[in-house]
Every structure is written in C-alpha cells, then in structure tokens.
PDB file of N, CA and C in Angstrom:
ATOM      1  N   MET A   1      18.348 -61.199 -19.166  1.00  0.00           N
ATOM      2  CA  MET A   1      18.872 -60.027 -18.481  1.00  0.00           C
ATOM      3  C   MET A   1      20.074 -59.444 -19.320  1.00  0.00           C
ATOM      4  N   LYS A   2      20.730 -60.436 -19.936  1.00  0.00           N
ATOM      5  CA  LYS A   2      21.930 -60.148 -20.654  1.00  0.00           C
ATOM      6  C   LYS A   2      21.532 -59.380 -21.838  1.00  0.00           C
ATOM      7  N   GLU A   3      20.522 -59.899 -22.579  1.00  0.00           N
ATOM      8  CA  GLU A   3      20.033 -59.221 -23.801  1.00  0.00           C
ATOM      9  C   GLU A   3      19.753 -57.780 -23.647  1.00  0.00           C
ATOM     10  N   LEU A   4      18.886 -57.697 -22.549  1.00  0.00           N
ATOM     11  CA  LEU A   4      18.285 -56.243 -22.241  1.00  0.00           C
ATOM     12  C   LEU A   4      19.450 -55.412 -22.074  1.00  0.00           C
ATOM     13  N   PHE A   5      20.434 -55.786 -21.176  1.00  0.00           N
ATOM     14  CA  PHE A   5      21.713 -54.970 -21.034  1.00  0.00           C
ATOM     15  C   PHE A   5      22.499 -54.771 -22.333  1.00  0.00           C
ATOM     16  N   LEU A   6      22.538 -55.669 -23.142  1.00  0.00           N
ATOM     17  CA  LEU A   6      23.238 -55.430 -24.517  1.00  0.00           C
ATOM     18  C   LEU A   6      22.450 -54.448 -25.328  1.00  0.00           C
ATOM     19  N   THR A   7      21.003 -54.521 -25.208  1.00  0.00           N
ATOM     20  CA  THR A   7      20.294 -53.471 -25.882  1.00  0.00           C
ATOM     21  C   THR A   7      20.514 -52.141 -25.473  1.00  0.00           C
ATOM     22  N   LEU A   8      20.939 -51.985 -24.229  1.00  0.00           N
ATOM     23  CA  LEU A   8      21.040 -50.677 -23.560  1.00  0.00           C
ATOM     24  C   LEU A   8      22.490 -50.193 -23.857  1.00  0.00           C
ATOM     25  N   VAL A   9      23.415 -50.994 -24.032  1.00  0.00           N
ATOM     26  CA  VAL A   9      24.850 -50.400 -24.036  1.00  0.00           C
ATOM     27  C   VAL A   9      25.399 -50.417 -25.443  1.00  0.00           C
ATOM     28  N   THR A  10      24.902 -51.424 -26.319  1.00  0.00           N
ATOM     29  CA  THR A  10      25.376 -51.478 -27.675  1.00  0.00           C
ATOM     30  C   THR A  10      25.311 -50.004 -28.494  1.00  0.00           C
ATOM     31  N   PRO A  11      24.159 -49.469 -28.442  1.00  0.00           N
ATOM     32  CA  PRO A  11      24.113 -48.188 -29.174  1.00  0.00           C
ATOM     33  C   PRO A  11      24.904 -47.034 -28.758  1.00  0.00           C
ATOM     34  N   MET A  12      25.473 -47.185 -27.647  1.00  0.00           N
ATOM     35  CA  MET A  12      26.271 -46.123 -26.940  1.00  0.00           C
ATOM     36  C   MET A  12      27.566 -46.070 -27.583  1.00  0.00           C
ATOM     37  N   VAL A  13      28.103 -47.090 -27.735  1.00  0.00           N
ATOM     38  CA  VAL A  13      29.563 -47.346 -28.092  1.00  0.00           C
ATOM     39  C   VAL A  13      30.098 -47.201 -29.526  1.00  0.00           C
ATOM     40  N   ASN A  14      31.254 -46.989 -29.716  1.00  0.00           N
ATOM     41  CA  ASN A  14      31.630 -47.013 -31.236  1.00  0.00           C
ATOM     42  C   ASN A  14      32.310 -48.473 -31.709  1.00  0.00           C
ATOM     43  N   HIS A  15      32.499 -49.198 -30.534  1.00  0.00           N
ATOM     44  CA  HIS A  15      33.080 -50.497 -30.782  1.00  0.00           C
ATOM     45  C   HIS A  15      32.157 -51.612 -30.303  1.00  0.00           C
ATOM     46  N   PRO A  16      30.979 -51.792 -30.834  1.00  0.00           N
ATOM     47  CA  PRO A  16      30.045 -52.726 -30.208  1.00  0.00           C
ATOM     48  C   PRO A  16      30.508 -54.131 -30.299  1.00  0.00           C
ATOM     49  N   GLU A  17      31.534 -54.436 -31.127  1.00  0.00           N
ATOM     50  CA  GLU A  17      31.940 -55.921 -31.152  1.00  0.00           C
ATOM     51  C   GLU A  17      32.936 -56.123 -29.892  1.00  0.00           C
ATOM     52  N   GLU A  18      33.207 -55.131 -29.259  1.00  0.00           N
ATOM     53  CA  GLU A  18      34.078 -55.303 -28.015  1.00  0.00           C
ATOM     54  C   GLU A  18      33.263 -55.243 -26.532  1.00  0.00           C
ATOM     55  N   VAL A  19      31.813 -55.139 -26.833  1.00  0.00           N
ATOM     56  CA  VAL A  19      31.082 -55.289 -25.729  1.00  0.00           C
ATOM     57  C   VAL A  19      30.917 -56.655 -25.243  1.00  0.00           C
ATOM     58  N   ARG A  20      31.191 -56.943 -23.954  1.00  0.00           N
ATOM     59  CA  ARG A  20      30.846 -58.270 -23.395  1.00  0.00           C
ATOM     60  C   ARG A  20      30.089 -57.982 -21.979  1.00  0.00           C
ATOM     61  N   ILE A  21      29.091 -58.796 -21.933  1.00  0.00           N
ATOM     62  CA  ILE A  21      28.209 -58.714 -20.660  1.00  0.00           C
ATOM     63  C   ILE A  21      28.486 -59.986 -20.032  1.00  0.00           C
ATOM     64  N   ASN A  22      28.831 -60.053 -18.915  1.00  0.00           N
ATOM     65  CA  ASN A  22      29.082 -61.443 -18.047  1.00  0.00           C
ATOM     66  C   ASN A  22      28.213 -61.405 -16.777  1.00  0.00           C
ATOM     67  N   PRO A  23      26.954 -61.944 -16.855  1.00  0.00           N
ATOM     68  CA  PRO A  23      26.226 -61.992 -15.585  1.00  0.00           C
ATOM     69  C   PRO A  23      26.596 -63.157 -14.714  1.00  0.00           C
ATOM     70  N   VAL A  24      27.006 -62.843 -13.475  1.00  0.00           N
ATOM     71  CA  VAL A  24      27.390 -63.870 -12.406  1.00  0.00           C
ATOM     72  C   VAL A  24      26.391 -63.935 -11.408  1.00  0.00           C
ATOM     73  N   GLU A  25      25.758 -65.086 -11.218  1.00  0.00           N
ATOM     74  CA  GLU A  25      24.634 -65.376 -10.225  1.00  0.00           C
ATOM     75  C   GLU A  25      25.388 -65.571  -8.932  1.00  0.00           C
ATOM     76  N   GLN A  26      24.936 -64.940  -7.902  1.00  0.00           N
ATOM     77  CA  GLN A  26      25.411 -65.284  -6.364  1.00  0.00           C
ATOM     78  C   GLN A  26      24.322 -65.189  -5.479  1.00  0.00           C
ATOM     79  N   GLY A  27      23.681 -66.358  -5.335  1.00  0.00           N
ATOM     80  CA  GLY A  27      22.387 -66.517  -4.632  1.00  0.00           C
ATOM     81  C   GLY A  27      21.328 -65.758  -5.140  1.00  0.00           C
ATOM     82  N   ASN A  28      20.713 -64.851  -4.442  1.00  0.00           N
ATOM     83  CA  ASN A  28      19.691 -64.166  -5.008  1.00  0.00           C
ATOM     84  C   ASN A  28      20.148 -62.781  -5.812  1.00  0.00           C
ATOM     85  N   THR A  29      21.392 -62.601  -5.814  1.00  0.00           N
ATOM     86  CA  THR A  29      22.059 -61.671  -6.421  1.00  0.00           C
ATOM     87  C   THR A  29      22.582 -61.840  -7.789  1.00  0.00           C
ATOM     88  N   ILE A  30      22.386 -60.849  -8.839  1.00  0.00           N
ATOM     89  CA  ILE A  30      23.084 -61.033 -10.140  1.00  0.00           C
ATOM     90  C   ILE A  30      23.968 -59.910 -10.268  1.00  0.00           C
ATOM     91  N   VAL A  31      25.358 -60.204 -10.492  1.00  0.00           N
ATOM     92  CA  VAL A  31      26.243 -59.186 -10.760  1.00  0.00           C
ATOM     93  C   VAL A  31      26.546 -59.310 -12.270  1.00  0.00           C
ATOM     94  N   ILE A  32      26.189 -57.991 -12.929  1.00  0.00           N
ATOM     95  CA  ILE A  32      26.488 -58.007 -14.407  1.00  0.00           C
ATOM     96  C   ILE A  32      27.654 -57.127 -14.577  1.00  0.00           C
ATOM     97  N   GLU A  33      28.803 -57.965 -15.145  1.00  0.00           N
ATOM     98  CA  GLU A  33      30.041 -57.269 -15.347  1.00  0.00           C
ATOM     99  C   GLU A  33      30.030 -56.797 -16.857  1.00  0.00           C
ATOM    100  N   VAL A  34      30.139 -55.547 -17.012  1.00  0.00           N
ATOM    101  CA  VAL A  34      30.232 -54.758 -18.393  1.00  0.00           C
ATOM    102  C   VAL A  34      31.680 -54.539 -18.767  1.00  0.00           C
ATOM    103  N   HIS A  35      32.096 -55.145 -19.925  1.00  0.00           N
ATOM    104  CA  HIS A  35      33.434 -55.034 -20.511  1.00  0.00           C
ATOM    105  C   HIS A  35      33.180 -54.171 -21.866  1.00  0.00           C
ATOM    106  N   VAL A  36      33.804 -53.022 -21.907  1.00  0.00           N
ATOM    107  CA  VAL A  36      33.671 -52.306 -23.197  1.00  0.00           C
ATOM    108  C   VAL A  36      35.183 -51.776 -23.658  1.00  0.00           C
ATOM    109  N   ALA A  37      35.239 -51.405 -24.781  1.00  0.00           N
ATOM    110  CA  ALA A  37      36.597 -50.797 -25.278  1.00  0.00           C
ATOM    111  C   ALA A  37      37.153 -49.572 -24.427  1.00  0.00           C
ATOM    112  N   PRO A  38      38.305 -49.479 -24.039  1.00  0.00           N
ATOM    113  CA  PRO A  38      38.724 -48.405 -23.301  1.00  0.00           C
ATOM    114  C   PRO A  38      38.287 -47.095 -23.810  1.00  0.00           C
ATOM    115  N   SER A  39      38.235 -46.921 -25.205  1.00  0.00           N
ATOM    116  CA  SER A  39      37.678 -45.498 -25.696  1.00  0.00           C
ATOM    117  C   SER A  39      36.332 -45.284 -25.505  1.00  0.00           C
ATOM    118  N   ASP A  40      35.477 -46.381 -25.226  1.00  0.00           N
ATOM    119  CA  ASP A  40      34.064 -46.260 -25.081  1.00  0.00           C
ATOM    120  C   ASP A  40      33.588 -46.254 -23.661  1.00  0.00           C
ATOM    121  N   MET A  41      34.573 -46.177 -22.689  1.00  0.00           N
ATOM    122  CA  MET A  41      34.289 -46.334 -21.325  1.00  0.00           C
ATOM    123  C   MET A  41      33.603 -44.998 -20.808  1.00  0.00           C
ATOM    124  N   GLY A  42      33.850 -43.850 -21.288  1.00  0.00           N
ATOM    125  CA  GLY A  42      33.352 -42.523 -20.906  1.00  0.00           C
ATOM    126  C   GLY A  42      31.959 -42.460 -21.408  1.00  0.00           C
ATOM    127  N   LYS A  43      31.714 -43.038 -22.487  1.00  0.00           N
ATOM    128  CA  LYS A  43      30.339 -43.014 -23.094  1.00  0.00           C
ATOM    129  C   LYS A  43      29.432 -43.898 -22.235  1.00  0.00           C
ATOM    130  N   VAL A  44      29.928 -45.068 -21.841  1.00  0.00           N
ATOM    131  CA  VAL A  44      29.031 -45.909 -21.118  1.00  0.00           C
ATOM    132  C   VAL A  44      28.734 -45.447 -19.707  1.00  0.00           C
ATOM    133  N   ILE A  45      29.691 -44.730 -19.051  1.00  0.00           N
ATOM    134  CA  ILE A  45      29.626 -44.110 -17.694  1.00  0.00           C
ATOM    135  C   ILE A  45      28.729 -42.947 -17.835  1.00  0.00           C
ATOM    136  N   GLY A  46      29.151 -42.050 -18.946  1.00  0.00           N
ATOM    137  CA  GLY A  46      28.384 -40.653 -18.979  1.00  0.00           C
ATOM    138  C   GLY A  46      28.941 -39.676 -18.065  1.00  0.00           C
ATOM    139  N   ARG A  47      28.589 -38.437 -18.195  1.00  0.00           N
ATOM    140  CA  ARG A  47      28.892 -37.388 -17.404  1.00  0.00           C
ATOM    141  C   ARG A  47      28.372 -37.436 -15.969  1.00  0.00           C
ATOM    142  N   ARG A  48      29.356 -37.509 -14.873  1.00  0.00           N
ATOM    143  CA  ARG A  48      29.146 -37.647 -13.673  1.00  0.00           C
ATOM    144  C   ARG A  48      28.423 -39.042 -13.277  1.00  0.00           C
ATOM    145  N   GLY A  49      28.628 -40.034 -14.247  1.00  0.00           N
ATOM    146  CA  GLY A  49      27.990 -41.244 -14.041  1.00  0.00           C
ATOM    147  C   GLY A  49      26.557 -41.341 -14.391  1.00  0.00           C
ATOM    148  N   SER A  50      26.029 -40.360 -15.099  1.00  0.00           N
ATOM    149  CA  SER A  50      24.543 -40.155 -15.345  1.00  0.00           C
ATOM    150  C   SER A  50      24.019 -41.569 -16.167  1.00  0.00           C
ATOM    151  N   ARG A  51      24.795 -41.972 -17.228  1.00  0.00           N
ATOM    152  CA  ARG A  51      24.286 -42.946 -17.989  1.00  0.00           C
ATOM    153  C   ARG A  51      24.463 -44.379 -17.206  1.00  0.00           C
ATOM    154  N   ALA A  52      25.543 -44.514 -16.474  1.00  0.00           N
ATOM    155  CA  ALA A  52      25.653 -45.693 -15.608  1.00  0.00           C
ATOM    156  C   ALA A  52      24.564 -45.738 -14.589  1.00  0.00           C
ATOM    157  N   GLN A  53      24.207 -44.666 -13.969  1.00  0.00           N
ATOM    158  CA  GLN A  53      23.183 -44.711 -12.948  1.00  0.00           C
ATOM    159  C   GLN A  53      21.805 -45.018 -13.643  1.00  0.00           C
ATOM    160  N   ALA A  54      21.568 -44.446 -14.696  1.00  0.00           N
ATOM    161  CA  ALA A  54      20.295 -44.706 -15.535  1.00  0.00           C
ATOM    162  C   ALA A  54      20.284 -46.206 -15.759  1.00  0.00           C
ATOM    163  N   MET A  55      21.296 -46.907 -16.329  1.00  0.00           N
ATOM    164  CA  MET A  55      21.289 -48.250 -16.552  1.00  0.00           C
ATOM    165  C   MET A  55      21.023 -49.130 -15.348  1.00  0.00           C
ATOM    166  N   ARG A  56      21.644 -48.679 -14.263  1.00  0.00           N
ATOM    167  CA  ARG A  56      21.492 -49.418 -12.952  1.00  0.00           C
ATOM    168  C   ARG A  56      20.096 -49.328 -12.531  1.00  0.00           C
ATOM    169  N   LYS A  57      19.359 -48.183 -12.797  1.00  0.00           N
ATOM    170  CA  LYS A  57      17.881 -48.090 -12.258  1.00  0.00           C
ATOM    171  C   LYS A  57      17.131 -48.986 -13.224  1.00  0.00           C
ATOM    172  N   ILE A  58      17.264 -48.997 -14.563  1.00  0.00           N
ATOM    173  CA  ILE A  58      16.420 -49.883 -15.388  1.00  0.00           C
ATOM    174  C   ILE A  58      16.767 -51.393 -14.950  1.00  0.00           C
ATOM    175  N   MET A  59      17.980 -51.711 -14.708  1.00  0.00           N
ATOM    176  CA  MET A  59      18.317 -53.269 -14.403  1.00  0.00           C
ATOM    177  C   MET A  59      17.652 -53.444 -13.006  1.00  0.00           C
ATOM    178  N   ARG A  60      17.696 -52.539 -12.109  1.00  0.00           N
ATOM    179  CA  ARG A  60      17.091 -52.758 -10.743  1.00  0.00           C
ATOM    180  C   ARG A  60      15.455 -53.041 -10.915  1.00  0.00           C
ATOM    181  N   ALA A  61      14.860 -52.109 -11.726  1.00  0.00           N
ATOM    182  CA  ALA A  61      13.588 -52.385 -12.065  1.00  0.00           C
ATOM    183  C   ALA A  61      13.159 -53.679 -12.571  1.00  0.00           C
ATOM    184  N   TYR A  62      13.851 -54.162 -13.487  1.00  0.00           N
ATOM    185  CA  TYR A  62      13.745 -55.405 -14.110  1.00  0.00           C
ATOM    186  C   TYR A  62      13.941 -56.559 -13.149  1.00  0.00           C
ATOM    187  N   ALA A  63      15.035 -56.392 -12.332  1.00  0.00           N
ATOM    188  CA  ALA A  63      15.392 -57.353 -11.424  1.00  0.00           C
ATOM    189  C   ALA A  63      14.245 -57.664 -10.294  1.00  0.00           C
ATOM    190  N   ASN A  64      13.620 -56.302  -9.773  1.00  0.00           N
ATOM    191  CA  ASN A  64      12.645 -56.335  -8.879  1.00  0.00           C
ATOM    192  C   ASN A  64      11.393 -57.448  -9.362  1.00  0.00           C
ATOM    193  N   GLN A  65      11.098 -57.216 -10.585  1.00  0.00           N
ATOM    194  CA  GLN A  65      10.032 -58.057 -11.222  1.00  0.00           C
ATOM    195  C   GLN A  65      10.400 -59.643 -11.034  1.00  0.00           C
ATOM    196  N   LEU A  66      11.566 -59.841 -10.937  1.00  0.00           N
ATOM    197  CA  LEU A  66      11.995 -61.274 -10.864  1.00  0.00           C
ATOM    198  C   LEU A  66      12.354 -61.619  -9.328  1.00  0.00           C
ATOM    199  N   HIS A  67      12.011 -60.720  -8.496  1.00  0.00           N
ATOM    200  CA  HIS A  67      12.365 -60.868  -7.116  1.00  0.00           C
ATOM    201  C   HIS A  67      13.906 -61.114  -6.982  1.00  0.00           C
ATOM    202  N   ARG A  68      14.785 -60.556  -7.663  1.00  0.00           N
ATOM    203  CA  ARG A  68      16.101 -60.591  -7.607  1.00  0.00           C
ATOM    204  C   ARG A  68      16.733 -59.284  -7.297  1.00  0.00           C
ATOM    205  N   ARG A  69      18.089 -59.278  -6.984  1.00  0.00           N
ATOM    206  CA  ARG A  69      18.860 -58.038  -6.641  1.00  0.00           C
ATOM    207  C   ARG A  69      19.979 -58.209  -7.786  1.00  0.00           C
ATOM    208  N   VAL A  70      20.119 -56.933  -8.406  1.00  0.00           N
ATOM    209  CA  VAL A  70      21.277 -56.785  -9.418  1.00  0.00           C
ATOM    210  C   VAL A  70      22.207 -55.738  -9.092  1.00  0.00           C
ATOM    211  N   VAL A  71      23.501 -55.927  -9.467  1.00  0.00           N
ATOM    212  CA  VAL A  71      24.558 -55.129  -9.173  1.00  0.00           C
ATOM    213  C   VAL A  71      25.200 -54.893 -10.636  1.00  0.00           C
ATOM    214  N   VAL A  72      25.334 -53.788 -10.998  1.00  0.00           N
ATOM    215  CA  VAL A  72      26.037 -53.470 -12.428  1.00  0.00           C
ATOM    216  C   VAL A  72      27.586 -53.026 -12.028  1.00  0.00           C
ATOM    217  N   ASP A  73      28.412 -53.796 -12.657  1.00  0.00           N
ATOM    218  CA  ASP A  73      29.799 -53.371 -12.484  1.00  0.00           C
ATOM    219  C   ASP A  73      30.530 -53.149 -13.791  1.00  0.00           C
ATOM    220  N   ILE A  74      30.921 -51.881 -14.025  1.00  0.00           N
ATOM    221  CA  ILE A  74      31.519 -51.424 -15.450  1.00  0.00           C
ATOM    222  C   ILE A  74      32.993 -51.740 -15.040  1.00  0.00           C
ATOM    223  N   VAL A  75      33.444 -52.807 -15.837  1.00  0.00           N
ATOM    224  CA  VAL A  75      34.829 -53.211 -15.646  1.00  0.00           C
ATOM    225  C   VAL A  75      35.835 -52.576 -16.745  1.00  0.00           C
ATOM    226  N   ASP A  76      36.954 -52.122 -16.325  1.00  0.00           N
ATOM    227  CA  ASP A  76      37.879 -51.414 -17.222  1.00  0.00           C
ATOM    228  C   ASP A  76      38.969 -52.545 -17.865  1.00  0.00           C
TER     229      ASP A  76
END
C-alpha cells in the first residue's frame, strides 16, 4: 500500500526526496500519514482538495479489496 501511494504522490511534487509515507495500522484500519515539503503541500492537496480526494478514493478502492479501511492524512 505504501508503494502505491508513493507512485501516486511522487510525480506531483518538486521535491520527491522529501516525500515520506508512514502507514499506521490500527485494528482493521490503516492510517496513511503523508509528509511532503511545505512548498509541495498545495500540489498534493490540489484545488479545493481535488487531488487529495482522488488519492483517497483510489486508496479506499484498494483497501476494499483487502477488506480493510484506509484513512489518508496529509500532514504539514
């Protein structure tokens, strides 16, 4: 799951070396903490949160196949 999320986020940012994905399992739920450079935060979130919403949908679809729940948290 971490690799999939890295594949989604890395092409969006100017500083791919600063992208950190931290999946935390809490029971049946996986919380994915996304850390990016402050200058890349807007690119990852997108206008009105459109990119963040799209990434959440993709991750939710993937997690459903694993019978898990996923929460994506973009951390500043």
